[in-house]
Amino acid sequence: MATARTSLWIPRSSGRSRQRAGPGQGNKIIFAGNGGSAGIASHMATDYSKNGGLRAWAMNDGSMLTCLANDYGYEHVFAKQIEFHGRSGDMLVAISSSGQSANILAAVAAARKLGCTVLTLSGFKPDNALRKTGDMNLYLDSTAYGYVEIGHLALCHAILDYSMEWAQGSRAVARG
């Protein structure tokens, strides 16, 4: 079965043009999260690749994480991977229930230095540090980990499903 190629559609919070990260541009979507958010990152990288035909990657390889934690400190495990593999035009999806994870915030800073677009998903407190850093910030007003995590999963699925429908509509218009 052939996988349809999709462009990820994310409106930018500043009102500028929509972000498109797709195979034609050579960009990738990089997912980062800890604990349950790492599970969401893995799940979404798989779905965005398999179902959306997008280049997507979750930064949660065990050997890489332990090596970088040992050599640079756990707060740098994602930032270092972005430094190694990221490039301008990539999109970082930074997931943190609390919005306070030092390693996620460092990943955002590294992505910004490279010129990546940043989508954040957070919860707990409306003034959390992560919520202030993205081009688009999705915040869930709950202090319950389970609600925040399942909400983040649902939002990521909705973005992909919408993007796939949008891309199919664009292809239909181009053919018509």
C-alpha atoms as a PDB file:
ATOM      1  CA  MET A   1       0.000   0.000   0.000  1.00  0.00           C
ATOM      2  CA  ALA A   2       1.481   3.363  -1.000  1.00  0.00           C
ATOM      3  CA  THR A   3       1.644   6.124   1.585  1.00  0.00           C
ATOM      4  CA  ALA A   4       0.300   9.505   0.543  1.00  0.00           C
ATOM      5  CA  ARG A   5       2.736  12.408   0.880  1.00  0.00           C
ATOM      6  CA  THR A   6       1.481  15.114   3.189  1.00  0.00           C
ATOM      7  CA  SER A   7       2.607  18.618   4.069  1.00  0.00           C
ATOM      8  CA  LEU A   8       2.148  19.481   7.716  1.00  0.00           C
ATOM      9  CA  TRP A   9      -0.008  22.546   8.116  1.00  0.00           C
ATOM     10  CA  ILE A  10       0.506  24.663  11.227  1.00  0.00           C
ATOM     11  CA  PRO A  11      -0.783  28.241  11.378  1.00  0.00           C
ATOM     12  CA  ARG A  12       1.865  30.529  12.821  1.00  0.00           C
ATOM     13  CA  SER A  13       0.849  32.435  15.933  1.00  0.00           C
ATOM     14  CA  SER A  14       2.283  35.666  14.559  1.00  0.00           C
ATOM     15  CA  GLY A  15      -0.208  35.604  11.690  1.00  0.00           C
ATOM     16  CA  ARG A  16       2.497  35.021   9.080  1.00  0.00           C
ATOM     17  CA  SER A  17       2.145  32.364   6.423  1.00  0.00           C
ATOM     18  CA  ARG A  18       1.468  28.785   7.393  1.00  0.00           C
ATOM     19  CA  GLN A  19       4.356  26.428   8.041  1.00  0.00           C
ATOM     20  CA  ARG A  20       4.753  23.544   5.642  1.00  0.00           C
ATOM     21  CA  ALA A  21       7.218  20.821   6.494  1.00  0.00           C
ATOM     22  CA  GLY A  22       7.118  18.208   3.835  1.00  0.00           C
ATOM     23  CA  PRO A  23       9.254  15.837   1.843  1.00  0.00           C
ATOM     24  CA  GLY A  24       9.464  18.265  -1.066  1.00  0.00           C
ATOM     25  CA  GLN A  25      11.230  20.807   1.113  1.00  0.00           C
ATOM     26  CA  GLY A  26      13.545  18.196   2.661  1.00  0.00           C
ATOM     27  CA  ASN A  27      12.646  19.342   6.162  1.00  0.00           C
ATOM     28  CA  LYS A  28      11.829  17.102   9.078  1.00  0.00           C
ATOM     29  CA  ILE A  29       9.669  17.196  12.156  1.00  0.00           C
ATOM     30  CA  ILE A  30      11.586  16.505  15.361  1.00  0.00           C
ATOM     31  CA  PHE A  31       9.636  15.391  18.437  1.00  0.00           C
ATOM     32  CA  ALA A  32      10.977  15.755  21.997  1.00  0.00           C
ATOM     33  CA  GLY A  33       9.464  14.750  25.321  1.00  0.00           C
ATOM     34  CA  ASN A  34      10.243  13.063  28.641  1.00  0.00           C
ATOM     35  CA  GLY A  35       8.381  10.132  30.226  1.00  0.00           C
ATOM     36  CA  GLY A  36       4.816   9.940  28.923  1.00  0.00           C
ATOM     37  CA  SER A  37       5.590  12.802  26.553  1.00  0.00           C
ATOM     38  CA  ALA A  38       8.444  10.705  25.110  1.00  0.00           C
ATOM     39  CA  GLY A  39       5.867   8.011  24.393  1.00  0.00           C
ATOM     40  CA  ILE A  40       3.738  10.594  22.581  1.00  0.00           C
ATOM     41  CA  ALA A  41       6.829  11.763  20.672  1.00  0.00           C
ATOM     42  CA  SER A  42       7.571   8.205  19.512  1.00  0.00           C
ATOM     43  CA  HIS A  43       3.966   7.483  18.592  1.00  0.00           C
ATOM     44  CA  MET A  44       3.624  10.721  16.630  1.00  0.00           C
ATOM     45  CA  ALA A  45       6.952  10.386  14.796  1.00  0.00           C
ATOM     46  CA  THR A  46       5.790   6.959  13.633  1.00  0.00           C
ATOM     47  CA  ASP A  47       2.347   8.159  12.555  1.00  0.00           C
ATOM     48  CA  TYR A  48       3.619  11.318  10.855  1.00  0.00           C
ATOM     49  CA  SER A  49       6.112   9.184   8.889  1.00  0.00           C
ATOM     50  CA  LYS A  50       3.921   6.166   8.126  1.00  0.00           C
ATOM     51  CA  ASN A  51       0.527   7.814   7.666  1.00  0.00           C
ATOM     52  CA  GLY A  52       1.521  11.329   6.651  1.00  0.00           C
ATOM     53  CA  GLY A  53       4.549  10.504   4.515  1.00  0.00           C
ATOM     54  CA  LEU A  54       6.543  13.139   6.401  1.00  0.00           C
ATOM     55  CA  ARG A  55      10.134  12.945   7.597  1.00  0.00           C
ATOM     56  CA  ALA A  56       9.640  12.691  11.355  1.00  0.00           C
ATOM     57  CA  TRP A  57      11.921  11.626  14.180  1.00  0.00           C
ATOM     58  CA  ALA A  58      11.600  11.242  17.954  1.00  0.00           C
ATOM     59  CA  MET A  59      14.757  11.980  19.916  1.00  0.00           C
ATOM     60  CA  ASN A  60      14.540   9.071  22.332  1.00  0.00           C
ATOM     61  CA  ASP A  61      17.114   6.476  21.350  1.00  0.00           C
ATOM     62  CA  GLY A  62      18.326   4.975  24.636  1.00  0.00           C
ATOM     63  CA  SER A  63      22.004   4.821  23.709  1.00  0.00           C
ATOM     64  CA  MET A  64      22.020   8.393  22.450  1.00  0.00           C
ATOM     65  CA  LEU A  65      20.219   9.702  25.530  1.00  0.00           C
ATOM     66  CA  THR A  66      22.508   7.969  28.005  1.00  0.00           C
ATOM     67  CA  CYS A  67      25.655   8.951  26.106  1.00  0.00           C
ATOM     68  CA  LEU A  68      24.662  12.610  25.926  1.00  0.00           C
ATOM     69  CA  ALA A  69      23.433  12.656  29.535  1.00  0.00           C
ATOM     70  CA  ASN A  70      26.758  11.203  30.663  1.00  0.00           C
ATOM     71  CA  ASP A  71      28.891  13.543  28.552  1.00  0.00           C
ATOM     72  CA  TYR A  72      26.888  16.806  28.683  1.00  0.00           C
ATOM     73  CA  GLY A  73      24.226  16.427  31.406  1.00  0.00           C
ATOM     74  CA  TYR A  74      20.602  15.392  31.067  1.00  0.00           C
ATOM     75  CA  GLU A  75      19.491  18.970  30.473  1.00  0.00           C
ATOM     76  CA  HIS A  76      21.311  18.837  27.094  1.00  0.00           C
ATOM     77  CA  VAL A  77      20.178  15.438  25.738  1.00  0.00           C
ATOM     78  CA  PHE A  78      17.771  16.949  23.199  1.00  0.00           C
ATOM     79  CA  ALA A  79      19.664  20.172  22.425  1.00  0.00           C
ATOM     80  CA  LYS A  80      22.772  18.228  21.426  1.00  0.00           C
ATOM     81  CA  GLN A  81      20.768  16.008  19.071  1.00  0.00           C
ATOM     82  CA  ILE A  82      19.264  19.108  17.452  1.00  0.00           C
ATOM     83  CA  GLU A  83      22.754  20.574  17.077  1.00  0.00           C
ATOM     84  CA  PHE A  84      23.904  17.320  15.422  1.00  0.00           C
ATOM     85  CA  HIS A  85      20.911  16.679  13.150  1.00  0.00           C
ATOM     86  CA  GLY A  86      18.722  19.785  12.938  1.00  0.00           C
ATOM     87  CA  ARG A  87      18.735  22.387  10.229  1.00  0.00           C
ATOM     88  CA  SER A  88      16.959  25.579   9.331  1.00  0.00           C
ATOM     89  CA  GLY A  89      13.428  24.841   8.173  1.00  0.00           C
ATOM     90  CA  ASP A  90      12.943  21.810  10.420  1.00  0.00           C
ATOM     91  CA  MET A  91      10.145  21.857  12.973  1.00  0.00           C
ATOM     92  CA  LEU A  92      10.604  20.976  16.631  1.00  0.00           C
ATOM     93  CA  VAL A  93       7.529  19.692  18.444  1.00  0.00           C
ATOM     94  CA  ALA A  94       8.429  20.238  22.106  1.00  0.00           C
ATOM     95  CA  ILE A  95       6.154  18.335  24.516  1.00  0.00           C
ATOM     96  CA  SER A  96       6.190  18.912  28.283  1.00  0.00           C
ATOM     97  CA  SER A  97       3.210  18.499  30.582  1.00  0.00           C
ATOM     98  CA  SER A  98       4.587  21.035  33.067  1.00  0.00           C
ATOM     99  CA  GLY A  99       6.256  23.257  30.494  1.00  0.00           C
ATOM    100  CA  GLN A 100       9.225  23.489  32.852  1.00  0.00           C
ATOM    101  CA  SER A 101      11.520  20.639  31.703  1.00  0.00           C
ATOM    102  CA  ALA A 102      15.040  22.054  31.406  1.00  0.00           C
ATOM    103  CA  ASN A 103      16.019  19.672  28.604  1.00  0.00           C
ATOM    104  CA  ILE A 104      12.951  20.588  26.533  1.00  0.00           C
ATOM    105  CA  LEU A 105      13.623  24.314  27.021  1.00  0.00           C
ATOM    106  CA  ALA A 106      17.263  23.761  25.972  1.00  0.00           C
ATOM    107  CA  ALA A 107      16.029  21.917  22.866  1.00  0.00           C
ATOM    108  CA  VAL A 108      13.889  24.902  21.932  1.00  0.00           C
ATOM    109  CA  ALA A 109      16.866  27.240  22.354  1.00  0.00           C
ATOM    110  CA  ALA A 110      19.021  24.989  20.137  1.00  0.00           C
ATOM    111  CA  ALA A 111      16.260  24.797  17.508  1.00  0.00           C
ATOM    112  CA  ARG A 112      15.893  28.575  17.522  1.00  0.00           C
ATOM    113  CA  LYS A 113      19.650  29.013  16.911  1.00  0.00           C
ATOM    114  CA  LEU A 114      19.327  26.847  13.790  1.00  0.00           C
ATOM    115  CA  GLY A 115      16.231  28.608  12.444  1.00  0.00           C
ATOM    116  CA  CYS A 116      13.732  25.842  13.180  1.00  0.00           C
ATOM    117  CA  THR A 117      10.025  26.430  13.636  1.00  0.00           C
ATOM    118  CA  VAL A 118       8.839  25.479  17.130  1.00  0.00           C
ATOM    119  CA  LEU A 119       5.469  24.060  18.171  1.00  0.00           C
ATOM    120  CA  THR A 120       5.048  23.638  21.929  1.00  0.00           C
ATOM    121  CA  LEU A 121       2.560  21.496  23.838  1.00  0.00           C
ATOM    122  CA  SER A 122       2.285  22.124  27.568  1.00  0.00           C
ATOM    123  CA  GLY A 123      -0.101  22.176  30.502  1.00  0.00           C
ATOM    124  CA  PHE A 124      -0.337  22.839  34.240  1.00  0.00           C
ATOM    125  CA  LYS A 125       0.286  26.590  34.622  1.00  0.00           C
ATOM    126  CA  PRO A 126      -0.654  29.125  31.954  1.00  0.00           C
ATOM    127  CA  ASP A 127       2.598  31.029  32.527  1.00  0.00           C
ATOM    128  CA  ASN A 128       4.877  27.984  32.137  1.00  0.00           C
ATOM    129  CA  ALA A 129       8.244  28.667  30.522  1.00  0.00           C
ATOM    130  CA  LEU A 130       7.714  26.482  27.432  1.00  0.00           C
ATOM    131  CA  ARG A 131       4.474  28.192  26.458  1.00  0.00           C
ATOM    132  CA  LYS A 132       6.359  31.425  25.836  1.00  0.00           C
ATOM    133  CA  THR A 133       8.867  29.947  23.364  1.00  0.00           C
ATOM    134  CA  GLY A 134       7.034  28.601  20.326  1.00  0.00           C
ATOM    135  CA  ASP A 135       5.804  29.943  17.030  1.00  0.00           C
ATOM    136  CA  MET A 136       2.604  28.199  18.052  1.00  0.00           C
ATOM    137  CA  ASN A 137       1.871  27.101  21.605  1.00  0.00           C
ATOM    138  CA  LEU A 138      -0.830  24.588  22.481  1.00  0.00           C
ATOM    139  CA  TYR A 139      -1.681  24.769  26.179  1.00  0.00           C
ATOM    140  CA  LEU A 140      -4.061  22.542  28.149  1.00  0.00           C
ATOM    141  CA  ASP A 141      -5.471  24.053  31.325  1.00  0.00           C
ATOM    142  CA  SER A 142      -5.128  21.096  33.675  1.00  0.00           C
ATOM    143  CA  THR A 143      -2.778  19.997  36.438  1.00  0.00           C
ATOM    144  CA  ALA A 144      -3.541  16.302  35.887  1.00  0.00           C
ATOM    145  CA  TYR A 145      -0.761  14.530  33.962  1.00  0.00           C
ATOM    146  CA  GLY A 146      -3.194  12.077  32.388  1.00  0.00           C
ATOM    147  CA  TYR A 147      -5.481  14.769  30.999  1.00  0.00           C
ATOM    148  CA  VAL A 148      -2.591  16.838  29.687  1.00  0.00           C
ATOM    149  CA  GLU A 149      -0.830  13.871  28.079  1.00  0.00           C
ATOM    150  CA  ILE A 150      -3.939  12.450  26.400  1.00  0.00           C
ATOM    151  CA  GLY A 151      -4.841  15.968  25.266  1.00  0.00           C
ATOM    152  CA  HIS A 152      -1.402  16.399  23.684  1.00  0.00           C
ATOM    153  CA  LEU A 153      -1.776  13.054  21.920  1.00  0.00           C
ATOM    154  CA  ALA A 154      -5.216  14.047  20.607  1.00  0.00           C
ATOM    155  CA  LEU A 155      -3.952  17.426  19.392  1.00  0.00           C
ATOM    156  CA  CYS A 156      -1.009  15.835  17.547  1.00  0.00           C
ATOM    157  CA  HIS A 157      -3.351  13.341  15.896  1.00  0.00           C
ATOM    158  CA  ALA A 158      -5.768  16.113  14.933  1.00  0.00           C
ATOM    159  CA  ILE A 159      -2.984  18.170  13.329  1.00  0.00           C
ATOM    160  CA  LEU A 160      -1.852  15.181  11.269  1.00  0.00           C
ATOM    161  CA  ASP A 161      -5.386  14.173  10.272  1.00  0.00           C
ATOM    162  CA  TYR A 162      -6.222  17.752   9.276  1.00  0.00           C
ATOM    163  CA  SER A 163      -2.962  18.070   7.329  1.00  0.00           C
ATOM    164  CA  MET A 164      -3.657  14.843   5.446  1.00  0.00           C
ATOM    165  CA  GLU A 165      -7.180  15.996   4.545  1.00  0.00           C
ATOM    166  CA  TRP A 166      -5.863  19.408   3.521  1.00  0.00           C
ATOM    167  CA  ALA A 167      -3.156  17.838   1.331  1.00  0.00           C
ATOM    168  CA  GLN A 168      -5.660  15.497  -0.311  1.00  0.00           C
ATOM    169  CA  GLY A 169      -7.900  18.476  -1.067  1.00  0.00           C
ATOM    170  CA  SER A 170      -4.941  20.381  -2.532  1.00  0.00           C
ATOM    171  CA  ARG A 171      -4.069  17.424  -4.760  1.00  0.00           C
ATOM    172  CA  ALA A 172      -7.684  17.140  -5.898  1.00  0.00           C
ATOM    173  CA  VAL A 173      -7.741  20.842  -6.824  1.00  0.00           C
ATOM    174  CA  ALA A 174      -4.404  20.505  -8.672  1.00  0.00           C
ATOM    175  CA  ARG A 175      -5.738  17.538 -10.663  1.00  0.00           C
ATOM    176  CA  GLY A 176      -9.135  19.066 -11.345  1.00  0.00           C
END
